[in-house]
Amino acid sequence: MTSDALTTVILAAGKGTRMKSRLPKVLHPIAGRPMLGHVLAAAGDFDGAATVLVVGPGMDQVAQYATGIHPGLRIAIQEQQAGTGDAVRSASAQIPDKDGVVLVVFGDTPLVQRETLALMVERCRRESDIVILGFEAADPTGYGRVVRDGETVTRIIEHKDASEEVRAIRLCFGGPMAVRARHLQALLDTLTNDNAQGEYYLTDFVAHGRAAGLSCSVTICPESDIQGVNSRADLAAAEAAMQKRLRAAAMAGGVTFLDPDTVYLSHDTQFGEDVTVGQNVVFAPGCRIAPGATIKAFSHLEGAEIGEGAEVGPFARIRPGTAVGARAKIGNFVETKKAKIEEGAKISHLSYIGDARVGAHANIGAGTITCNYDGYNKFFTDIGAGAFVGSNSSLVAPVKIGDGAYVGSGSVVTKDVSGDALAVARGKQMEKPGWAAGFRAKNEGIKKASPGE
């Protein structure tokens, strides 16, 4: 048994050349969050744990992201990418407690689950000097095989070095490893780079540890939980797996998806019970959907709160800062941004409402827009409770429409409208009797006299 102290070491120094991207590999997003963010959420915030992130030289963007969401995180630099063992060696000086557990995880495995890592740590504290994470591979080709004697892990053998008998083993090494801290330095000292790649491998801890009399066991997780990302194809596969996981959790919590495979969620999407979501809906980060709300097909929501029993879509775009009240309606081809839509209000179709409040039970007619931007500054539009804004109206902010006021269709409103008043702001209509008939006759005569007709 060892102490409860824990240090998590996250390896993120890889260059990710196969991604063919200027963005560091571990910052590519999955479900609206960089994959490193997923790993930090799973491994970087155990109570009282220290966290060390290993990055390569010049990877300031990665370090800044990680410290921005985990201020207490320590940064270690791996000067040369000389293998996973070398990466852990780079972090060893940053490990504050030499009598706890060191948990090593990889920054490009965004699907690893917190519960799995917690189990590994607990087993290392109570049972084994070394605990590795393994998985039963559908196709083990290319993976390191986990060789056991009973329940004891004796070696990890790389595929290229394995005999046919070892290659028949389907239990493969997943990457994460927990080691009792008091053994870490001695294990690091045993590593050599006497291999074809000239690198120091973390996997050698197992054989070297067993030779020194240390115990080693394996915790097994589903293969999908530990898939790494090394290419754009891997990124797409990880996104698909994450979406499947998020959808399953949402449905288990009481959400109805009319076509689950076409709905895309973010890592932080929150649903109440009895929410219904139509086909081809995207929830970007920052969305909270209250019980009983309906999100209809082909809508896109980001940074928005949707109230109880509210209805959104189809074909609605709900942008950041929007709060839709209970039983309010946002209809087809409506766009909102930084707008408070109060209880029971209706914006049924073809409107833009930005930097605005729409009061309770107000009605916004088709084609209405809030003119909130002058090219330099944003201005606010306040529409009172029970107000009625006629179709094709332009509300030029800053402007206030009073409670219960009416705005005539086609108006361009530039001044405040008093409560319960009618505002009509449009050009005066004039009529010339018979003009249209004369216009047609004139033009038809010209057409008949045209050459070649």
Protein backbone atom coordinates (compact mmCIF):
# COMPACT_ATOMS: atom_id res chain seq x y z
CA MET A 1 0.00 0.00 0.00
CA THR A 2 1.20 3.51 -0.80
CA SER A 3 0.09 7.03 0.05
CA ASP A 4 -2.92 8.70 -1.56
CA ALA A 5 -0.79 11.40 -3.19
CA LEU A 6 -1.14 11.51 -6.97
CA THR A 7 0.74 13.18 -9.80
CA THR A 8 -0.69 12.96 -13.30
CA VAL A 9 1.79 13.26 -16.16
CA ILE A 10 0.22 14.08 -19.53
CA LEU A 11 2.41 13.47 -22.56
CA ALA A 12 1.74 16.06 -25.27
CA ALA A 13 5.11 16.68 -26.91
CA GLY A 14 4.36 14.86 -30.16
CA LYS A 15 4.55 16.99 -33.31
CA GLY A 16 1.60 15.33 -34.99
CA THR A 17 3.11 15.58 -38.47
CA ARG A 18 0.50 13.24 -39.94
CA MET A 19 -2.21 15.78 -39.11
CA LYS A 20 -0.64 18.14 -41.68
CA SER A 21 -1.73 21.15 -39.67
CA ARG A 22 -0.33 24.35 -38.23
CA LEU A 23 -2.42 23.68 -35.12
CA PRO A 24 -0.73 21.38 -32.58
CA LYS A 25 -2.30 17.95 -32.71
CA VAL A 26 -3.62 17.92 -29.14
CA LEU A 27 -5.50 21.20 -29.75
CA HIS A 28 -7.64 19.82 -32.56
CA PRO A 29 -11.23 19.84 -31.26
CA ILE A 30 -13.52 16.92 -30.59
CA ALA A 31 -17.11 17.69 -29.56
CA GLY A 32 -16.23 21.37 -29.35
CA ARG A 33 -13.22 21.02 -27.05
CA PRO A 34 -9.52 20.43 -27.84
CA MET A 35 -8.63 16.78 -27.33
CA LEU A 36 -6.15 17.82 -24.63
CA GLY A 37 -9.09 19.40 -22.80
CA HIS A 38 -10.85 16.04 -22.73
CA VAL A 39 -7.74 14.40 -21.29
CA LEU A 40 -7.36 17.14 -18.67
CA ALA A 41 -11.00 16.68 -17.69
CA ALA A 42 -10.47 12.94 -17.26
CA ALA A 43 -7.04 12.97 -15.64
CA GLY A 44 -6.08 16.46 -14.61
CA ASP A 45 -8.46 17.35 -11.80
CA PHE A 46 -8.42 14.49 -9.29
CA ASP A 47 -8.80 15.99 -5.84
CA GLY A 48 -5.45 17.13 -4.52
CA ALA A 49 -3.51 15.78 -7.50
CA ALA A 50 -0.59 17.55 -9.11
CA THR A 51 -0.53 17.64 -12.91
CA VAL A 52 2.51 17.87 -15.15
CA LEU A 53 2.15 18.49 -18.88
CA VAL A 54 5.06 17.44 -21.07
CA VAL A 55 5.43 19.52 -24.23
CA GLY A 56 8.12 19.98 -26.84
CA PRO A 57 10.19 23.13 -27.37
CA GLY A 58 8.18 25.99 -28.81
CA MET A 59 4.80 24.46 -27.97
CA ASP A 60 3.69 27.60 -26.16
CA GLN A 61 0.18 27.40 -27.61
CA VAL A 62 -0.36 24.02 -25.96
CA ALA A 63 1.06 25.19 -22.63
CA GLN A 64 -1.06 28.35 -22.66
CA TYR A 65 -4.25 26.43 -23.36
CA ALA A 66 -3.58 23.91 -20.60
CA THR A 67 -2.62 26.45 -17.93
CA GLY A 68 -5.62 28.57 -18.92
CA ILE A 69 -8.05 25.85 -17.89
CA HIS A 70 -5.86 24.27 -15.20
CA PRO A 71 -3.95 27.14 -13.50
CA GLY A 72 -2.01 24.89 -11.11
CA LEU A 73 -0.61 22.72 -13.89
CA ARG A 74 3.17 22.38 -14.21
CA ILE A 75 4.98 22.42 -17.54
CA ALA A 76 7.92 20.15 -18.43
CA ILE A 77 9.86 20.44 -21.68
CA GLN A 78 10.99 17.34 -23.56
CA GLU A 79 13.89 18.80 -25.49
CA GLN A 80 14.04 15.98 -28.04
CA GLN A 81 11.28 13.53 -28.89
CA ALA A 82 13.19 10.42 -27.80
CA GLY A 83 10.27 8.23 -26.79
CA THR A 84 7.64 7.95 -24.09
CA GLY A 85 10.14 6.94 -21.42
CA ASP A 86 12.20 10.03 -22.19
CA ALA A 87 9.05 12.16 -21.92
CA VAL A 88 8.35 10.83 -18.43
CA ARG A 89 11.99 11.43 -17.51
CA SER A 90 11.52 15.06 -18.58
CA ALA A 91 8.66 15.34 -16.07
CA SER A 92 10.30 13.52 -13.16
CA ALA A 93 11.80 16.63 -11.56
CA GLN A 94 8.32 18.20 -11.45
CA ILE A 95 6.78 15.35 -9.45
CA PRO A 96 6.30 16.78 -5.94
CA ASP A 97 5.56 13.63 -3.94
CA LYS A 98 7.86 10.61 -4.04
CA ASP A 99 5.59 8.34 -2.02
CA GLY A 100 2.37 8.44 -4.00
CA VAL A 101 1.29 7.30 -7.45
CA VAL A 102 2.34 8.68 -10.81
CA LEU A 103 -0.32 8.31 -13.50
CA VAL A 104 0.93 8.67 -17.08
CA VAL A 105 -1.61 9.44 -19.81
CA PHE A 106 -1.42 10.64 -23.39
CA GLY A 107 -2.72 13.98 -24.63
CA ASP A 108 -4.02 12.48 -27.87
CA THR A 109 -6.42 9.93 -26.34
CA PRO A 110 -9.51 12.11 -25.83
CA LEU A 111 -11.91 9.24 -25.15
CA VAL A 112 -10.16 7.92 -22.05
CA GLN A 113 -12.59 7.89 -19.14
CA ARG A 114 -12.05 9.29 -15.69
CA GLU A 115 -13.53 6.21 -14.02
CA THR A 116 -11.01 3.96 -15.75
CA LEU A 117 -8.06 6.10 -14.68
CA ALA A 118 -9.38 6.30 -11.13
CA LEU A 119 -9.55 2.51 -11.01
CA MET A 120 -5.94 2.26 -12.20
CA VAL A 121 -4.79 4.69 -9.51
CA GLU A 122 -6.67 2.87 -6.78
CA ARG A 123 -5.21 -0.50 -7.83
CA CYS A 124 -1.72 0.99 -7.81
CA ARG A 125 -2.26 2.36 -4.32
CA ARG A 126 -3.64 -0.88 -2.90
CA GLU A 127 -2.41 -3.81 -5.02
CA SER A 128 0.30 -3.35 -7.66
CA ASP A 129 3.52 -1.42 -8.09
CA ILE A 130 2.66 -0.92 -11.77
CA VAL A 131 -0.80 -0.90 -13.37
CA ILE A 132 -1.17 -0.65 -17.15
CA LEU A 133 -4.28 -0.04 -19.22
CA GLY A 134 -5.14 -2.69 -21.79
CA PHE A 135 -7.89 -3.43 -24.28
CA GLU A 136 -9.09 -6.40 -26.30
CA ALA A 137 -8.41 -5.35 -29.90
CA ALA A 138 -10.69 -6.31 -32.75
CA ASP A 139 -7.57 -6.26 -34.92
CA PRO A 140 -4.42 -6.26 -32.78
CA THR A 141 -2.05 -5.73 -35.71
CA GLY A 142 0.52 -3.08 -34.85
CA TYR A 143 -0.26 -2.92 -31.13
CA GLY A 144 2.01 -3.97 -28.30
CA ARG A 145 0.76 -7.25 -26.79
CA VAL A 146 0.28 -7.68 -23.06
CA VAL A 147 1.86 -10.95 -21.95
CA ARG A 148 0.59 -12.39 -18.66
CA ASP A 149 1.38 -15.21 -16.30
CA GLY A 150 -2.00 -15.78 -14.72
CA GLU A 151 -3.14 -12.31 -13.62
CA THR A 152 0.38 -10.91 -13.48
CA VAL A 153 1.65 -8.90 -16.44
CA THR A 154 5.17 -9.97 -17.33
CA ARG A 155 5.98 -8.06 -20.51
CA ILE A 156 4.67 -5.80 -23.24
CA ILE A 157 5.99 -6.96 -26.62
CA GLU A 158 5.79 -4.75 -29.69
CA HIS A 159 4.05 -6.32 -32.68
CA LYS A 160 7.17 -6.24 -34.84
CA ASP A 161 9.14 -8.11 -32.17
CA ALA A 162 6.42 -10.65 -31.37
CA SER A 163 6.40 -14.32 -32.26
CA GLU A 164 3.38 -15.82 -33.96
CA GLU A 165 2.26 -17.16 -30.59
CA VAL A 166 2.44 -13.69 -29.01
CA ARG A 167 0.76 -12.07 -32.01
CA ALA A 168 -2.24 -14.30 -31.37
CA ILE A 169 -2.79 -12.44 -28.09
CA ARG A 170 -5.64 -9.93 -28.44
CA LEU A 171 -4.97 -8.05 -25.19
CA CYS A 172 -3.04 -4.92 -26.18
CA PHE A 173 -1.40 -2.05 -24.34
CA GLY A 174 -3.47 1.15 -24.38
CA GLY A 175 -0.83 3.65 -23.23
CA PRO A 176 -1.78 4.91 -19.73
CA MET A 177 0.23 3.52 -16.84
CA ALA A 178 0.20 4.03 -13.07
CA VAL A 179 3.46 3.57 -11.13
CA ARG A 180 4.26 3.92 -7.48
CA ALA A 181 6.35 7.07 -7.28
CA ARG A 182 9.07 5.56 -5.10
CA HIS A 183 9.96 3.18 -7.94
CA LEU A 184 9.78 5.69 -10.78
CA GLN A 185 13.35 6.95 -10.82
CA ALA A 186 14.84 3.47 -10.60
CA LEU A 187 12.66 2.35 -13.51
CA LEU A 188 13.68 5.38 -15.56
CA ASP A 189 17.33 4.57 -14.88
CA THR A 190 16.87 1.09 -16.38
CA LEU A 191 15.64 2.39 -19.74
CA THR A 192 17.91 2.19 -22.76
CA ASN A 193 17.46 3.22 -26.36
CA ASP A 194 18.93 0.01 -27.73
CA ASN A 195 16.22 -0.50 -30.34
CA ALA A 196 15.57 0.22 -33.99
CA GLN A 197 14.03 3.61 -33.24
CA GLY A 198 16.73 4.68 -30.81
CA GLU A 199 14.07 5.72 -28.27
CA TYR A 200 13.32 5.13 -24.59
CA TYR A 201 10.06 3.25 -24.16
CA LEU A 202 7.68 3.42 -21.22
CA THR A 203 6.58 -0.12 -22.04
CA ASP A 204 9.97 -1.41 -20.81
CA PHE A 205 8.89 -0.51 -17.27
CA VAL A 206 6.97 -3.78 -17.12
CA ALA A 207 9.82 -6.21 -17.89
CA HIS A 208 12.35 -4.19 -15.90
CA GLY A 209 9.96 -3.86 -12.99
CA ARG A 210 9.23 -7.58 -12.94
CA ALA A 211 12.97 -8.30 -13.02
CA ALA A 212 13.31 -6.10 -9.93
CA GLY A 213 10.52 -7.99 -8.15
CA LEU A 214 7.77 -5.40 -8.66
CA SER A 215 4.18 -6.46 -9.19
CA CYS A 216 2.31 -5.49 -12.35
CA SER A 217 -1.36 -5.84 -13.29
CA VAL A 218 -3.64 -4.69 -16.09
CA THR A 219 -6.93 -2.80 -16.06
CA ILE A 220 -9.01 -3.49 -19.17
CA CYS A 221 -11.21 -0.94 -20.93
CA PRO A 222 -13.19 -0.94 -24.22
CA GLU A 223 -11.04 -0.40 -27.30
CA SER A 224 -12.99 2.74 -28.24
CA ASP A 225 -12.04 4.42 -24.95
CA ILE A 226 -8.33 4.43 -25.69
CA GLN A 227 -8.12 5.11 -29.42
CA GLY A 228 -5.40 7.60 -30.23
CA VAL A 229 -5.44 10.39 -32.79
CA ASN A 230 -2.55 10.62 -35.22
CA SER A 231 -4.26 11.66 -38.46
CA ARG A 232 -7.33 13.45 -39.75
CA ALA A 233 -8.97 10.06 -40.25
CA ASP A 234 -8.28 9.21 -36.61
CA LEU A 235 -9.74 12.59 -35.61
CA ALA A 236 -12.95 11.84 -37.50
CA ALA A 237 -13.18 8.39 -35.93
CA ALA A 238 -12.69 9.84 -32.44
CA GLU A 239 -15.34 12.50 -33.12
CA ALA A 240 -17.79 9.80 -34.19
CA ALA A 241 -17.07 7.74 -31.08
CA MET A 242 -17.45 10.78 -28.82
CA GLN A 243 -20.74 11.75 -30.46
CA LYS A 244 -22.06 8.23 -29.98
CA ARG A 245 -21.14 8.41 -26.30
CA LEU A 246 -22.72 11.85 -25.81
CA ARG A 247 -25.93 10.88 -27.59
CA ALA A 248 -26.27 7.71 -25.52
CA ALA A 249 -25.87 9.70 -22.31
CA ALA A 250 -28.45 12.26 -23.44
CA MET A 251 -31.00 9.60 -24.36
CA ALA A 252 -30.41 7.82 -21.06
CA GLY A 253 -31.25 11.15 -19.40
CA GLY A 254 -34.63 11.47 -21.10
CA VAL A 255 -33.93 13.14 -24.47
CA THR A 256 -35.64 12.03 -27.69
CA PHE A 257 -33.56 12.26 -30.87
CA LEU A 258 -35.67 11.72 -33.98
CA ASP A 259 -32.55 10.66 -35.88
CA PRO A 260 -29.66 10.34 -33.39
CA ASP A 261 -26.88 9.89 -35.91
CA THR A 262 -27.57 13.32 -37.45
CA VAL A 263 -27.43 15.30 -34.19
CA TYR A 264 -24.08 16.72 -33.11
CA LEU A 265 -23.44 17.61 -29.48
CA SER A 266 -20.69 19.41 -27.63
CA HIS A 267 -18.91 18.12 -24.57
CA ASP A 268 -20.90 20.52 -22.35
CA THR A 269 -24.38 20.30 -23.90
CA GLN A 270 -26.96 20.03 -21.11
CA PHE A 271 -30.48 18.67 -21.52
CA GLY A 272 -33.47 18.46 -19.24
CA GLU A 273 -35.95 15.61 -19.42
CA ASP A 274 -38.44 15.28 -22.26
CA VAL A 275 -36.48 17.39 -24.70
CA THR A 276 -37.13 16.49 -28.35
CA VAL A 277 -34.46 17.12 -30.98
CA GLY A 278 -35.11 16.83 -34.70
CA GLN A 279 -32.84 15.77 -37.51
CA ASN A 280 -29.57 17.49 -38.43
CA VAL A 281 -29.30 19.72 -35.37
CA VAL A 282 -25.94 21.03 -34.15
CA PHE A 283 -25.27 22.04 -30.55
CA ALA A 284 -22.03 24.02 -30.41
CA PRO A 285 -20.48 24.67 -26.97
CA GLY A 286 -22.38 26.39 -24.20
CA CYS A 287 -25.96 25.17 -24.70
CA ARG A 288 -28.47 24.37 -21.96
CA ILE A 289 -31.86 23.02 -22.97
CA ALA A 290 -34.59 22.99 -20.31
CA PRO A 291 -37.15 20.20 -19.84
CA GLY A 292 -39.85 19.85 -22.47
CA ALA A 293 -38.19 22.05 -25.08
CA THR A 294 -38.32 21.12 -28.76
CA ILE A 295 -35.46 21.80 -31.14
CA LYS A 296 -36.62 21.21 -34.69
CA ALA A 297 -34.62 20.00 -37.68
CA PHE A 298 -31.65 21.80 -39.24
CA SER A 299 -31.12 24.23 -36.37
CA HIS A 300 -27.75 25.42 -35.06
CA LEU A 301 -27.37 26.51 -31.44
CA GLU A 302 -24.33 27.94 -29.66
CA GLY A 303 -23.90 29.54 -26.25
CA ALA A 304 -27.65 29.56 -25.69
CA GLU A 305 -30.20 28.77 -23.00
CA ILE A 306 -33.55 27.39 -24.13
CA GLY A 307 -36.37 27.57 -21.60
CA GLU A 308 -38.87 24.98 -20.49
CA GLY A 309 -41.35 24.05 -23.19
CA ALA A 310 -39.82 26.46 -25.71
CA GLU A 311 -39.76 25.68 -29.41
CA VAL A 312 -36.84 26.40 -31.76
CA GLY A 313 -36.67 25.88 -35.51
CA PRO A 314 -36.69 24.36 -37.99
CA PHE A 315 -33.76 26.10 -39.69
CA ALA A 316 -33.06 28.45 -36.78
CA ARG A 317 -29.66 29.85 -35.86
CA ILE A 318 -29.33 30.63 -32.16
CA ARG A 319 -26.06 32.44 -31.50
CA PRO A 320 -24.16 33.09 -28.25
CA GLY A 321 -25.82 35.10 -25.54
CA THR A 322 -29.36 34.10 -26.47
CA ALA A 323 -31.77 33.16 -23.69
CA VAL A 324 -35.14 31.85 -24.84
CA GLY A 325 -37.82 31.91 -22.17
CA ALA A 326 -40.35 29.26 -21.26
CA ARG A 327 -42.83 28.43 -24.00
CA ALA A 328 -41.35 31.02 -26.35
CA LYS A 329 -41.16 30.24 -30.05
CA ILE A 330 -38.26 30.80 -32.42
CA GLY A 331 -39.33 29.71 -35.89
CA ASN A 332 -37.83 28.90 -39.26
CA PHE A 333 -35.03 31.06 -40.66
CA VAL A 334 -34.77 33.15 -37.51
CA GLU A 335 -31.36 34.24 -36.24
CA THR A 336 -30.77 35.56 -32.74
CA LYS A 337 -27.64 36.86 -31.05
CA LYS A 338 -27.22 38.19 -27.50
CA ALA A 339 -30.97 38.36 -27.20
CA LYS A 340 -33.32 37.75 -24.29
CA ILE A 341 -36.56 36.29 -25.57
CA GLU A 342 -38.97 36.27 -22.65
CA GLU A 343 -41.72 33.83 -21.77
CA GLY A 344 -44.26 33.14 -24.49
CA ALA A 345 -42.76 35.55 -27.02
CA LYS A 346 -42.94 34.58 -30.70
CA ILE A 347 -40.48 35.19 -33.52
CA SER A 348 -42.01 32.81 -35.98
CA HIS A 349 -40.02 33.30 -39.17
CA LEU A 350 -37.47 35.15 -41.27
CA SER A 351 -36.13 37.59 -38.67
CA TYR A 352 -32.86 38.75 -37.11
CA ILE A 353 -32.96 39.75 -33.45
CA GLY A 354 -29.60 40.78 -32.02
CA ASP A 355 -28.57 42.80 -28.93
CA ALA A 356 -32.19 42.91 -27.85
CA ARG A 357 -34.88 42.04 -25.37
CA VAL A 358 -38.22 40.74 -26.58
CA GLY A 359 -40.74 41.02 -23.77
CA ALA A 360 -43.12 38.33 -22.60
CA HIS A 361 -45.78 37.37 -25.14
CA ALA A 362 -44.59 39.90 -27.71
CA ASN A 363 -44.99 38.97 -31.37
CA ILE A 364 -42.34 39.73 -33.98
CA GLY A 365 -43.54 39.60 -37.57
CA ALA A 366 -41.75 38.00 -40.50
CA GLY A 367 -38.82 39.92 -41.92
CA THR A 368 -38.24 42.05 -38.82
CA ILE A 369 -34.68 43.00 -38.02
CA THR A 370 -32.99 44.87 -35.20
CA CYS A 371 -30.45 47.22 -36.79
CA ASN A 372 -27.92 46.93 -33.98
CA TYR A 373 -24.59 47.76 -35.63
CA ASP A 374 -23.32 51.01 -37.18
CA GLY A 375 -20.03 49.57 -38.39
CA TYR A 376 -18.23 50.41 -35.14
CA ASN A 377 -20.59 49.92 -32.19
CA LYS A 378 -23.47 47.69 -31.12
CA PHE A 379 -26.71 49.16 -29.77
CA PHE A 380 -29.64 47.71 -27.85
CA THR A 381 -33.28 47.28 -28.85
CA ASP A 382 -35.88 46.85 -26.11
CA ILE A 383 -39.25 45.44 -27.13
CA GLY A 384 -41.83 45.47 -24.36
CA ALA A 385 -44.19 42.80 -23.13
CA GLY A 386 -47.14 42.17 -25.39
CA ALA A 387 -45.81 44.38 -28.17
CA PHE A 388 -46.67 43.56 -31.79
CA VAL A 389 -44.12 44.33 -34.49
CA GLY A 390 -45.51 44.05 -38.01
CA SER A 391 -43.78 42.19 -40.80
CA ASN A 392 -40.76 43.62 -42.62
CA SER A 393 -40.02 46.22 -39.95
CA SER A 394 -36.56 47.61 -39.19
CA LEU A 395 -35.92 48.69 -35.61
CA VAL A 396 -32.92 51.04 -35.64
CA ALA A 397 -31.13 50.76 -32.31
CA PRO A 398 -30.93 52.20 -29.77
CA VAL A 399 -34.69 52.16 -29.62
CA LYS A 400 -37.45 51.08 -27.24
CA ILE A 401 -40.86 49.69 -28.16
CA GLY A 402 -43.18 50.08 -25.19
CA ASP A 403 -45.36 47.40 -23.60
CA GLY A 404 -48.38 46.62 -25.75
CA ALA A 405 -47.29 48.92 -28.58
CA TYR A 406 -47.95 48.18 -32.27
CA VAL A 407 -45.52 48.81 -35.10
CA GLY A 408 -47.09 48.89 -38.54
CA SER A 409 -45.71 46.53 -41.17
CA GLY A 410 -42.85 47.88 -43.26
CA SER A 411 -41.89 50.54 -40.74
CA VAL A 412 -38.36 51.84 -40.17
CA VAL A 413 -38.48 52.80 -36.49
CA THR A 414 -35.81 55.27 -35.35
CA LYS A 415 -37.51 56.71 -32.26
CA ASP A 416 -38.95 55.18 -29.10
CA VAL A 417 -42.57 54.03 -29.28
CA SER A 418 -44.78 54.59 -26.25
CA GLY A 419 -46.64 51.76 -24.61
CA ASP A 420 -49.96 50.87 -26.25
CA ALA A 421 -49.26 53.31 -29.12
CA LEU A 422 -49.26 52.62 -32.86
CA ALA A 423 -46.13 53.60 -34.79
CA VAL A 424 -46.11 53.72 -38.57
CA ALA A 425 -42.90 54.89 -40.20
CA ARG A 426 -42.92 54.38 -43.95
CA GLY A 427 -43.15 56.45 -47.13
CA LYS A 428 -46.55 57.86 -48.12
CA GLN A 429 -48.35 55.77 -50.71
CA MET A 430 -49.53 57.52 -53.85
CA GLU A 431 -51.62 56.25 -56.78
CA LYS A 432 -51.86 57.31 -60.47
CA PRO A 433 -55.04 55.92 -62.02
CA GLY A 434 -54.52 54.15 -65.35
CA TRP A 435 -50.73 54.48 -65.27
CA ALA A 436 -50.04 50.74 -65.48
CA ALA A 437 -52.26 50.25 -68.56
CA GLY A 438 -50.55 53.13 -70.37
CA PHE A 439 -47.11 51.81 -69.43
CA ARG A 440 -47.90 48.38 -70.84
CA ALA A 441 -49.37 49.78 -74.06
CA LYS A 442 -46.35 51.99 -74.65
CA ASN A 443 -43.84 49.19 -74.12
CA GLU A 444 -45.79 46.63 -76.10
CA GLY A 445 -45.89 49.05 -79.04
CA ILE A 446 -42.12 49.49 -78.94
CA LYS A 447 -41.68 45.71 -78.83
CA LYS A 448 -43.86 45.16 -81.89
CA ALA A 449 -41.96 47.77 -83.91
CA SER A 450 -38.55 46.29 -83.09
CA PRO A 451 -36.56 45.00 -86.16
CA GLY A 452 -36.60 41.27 -86.68
CA GLU A 453 -39.71 40.71 -84.61
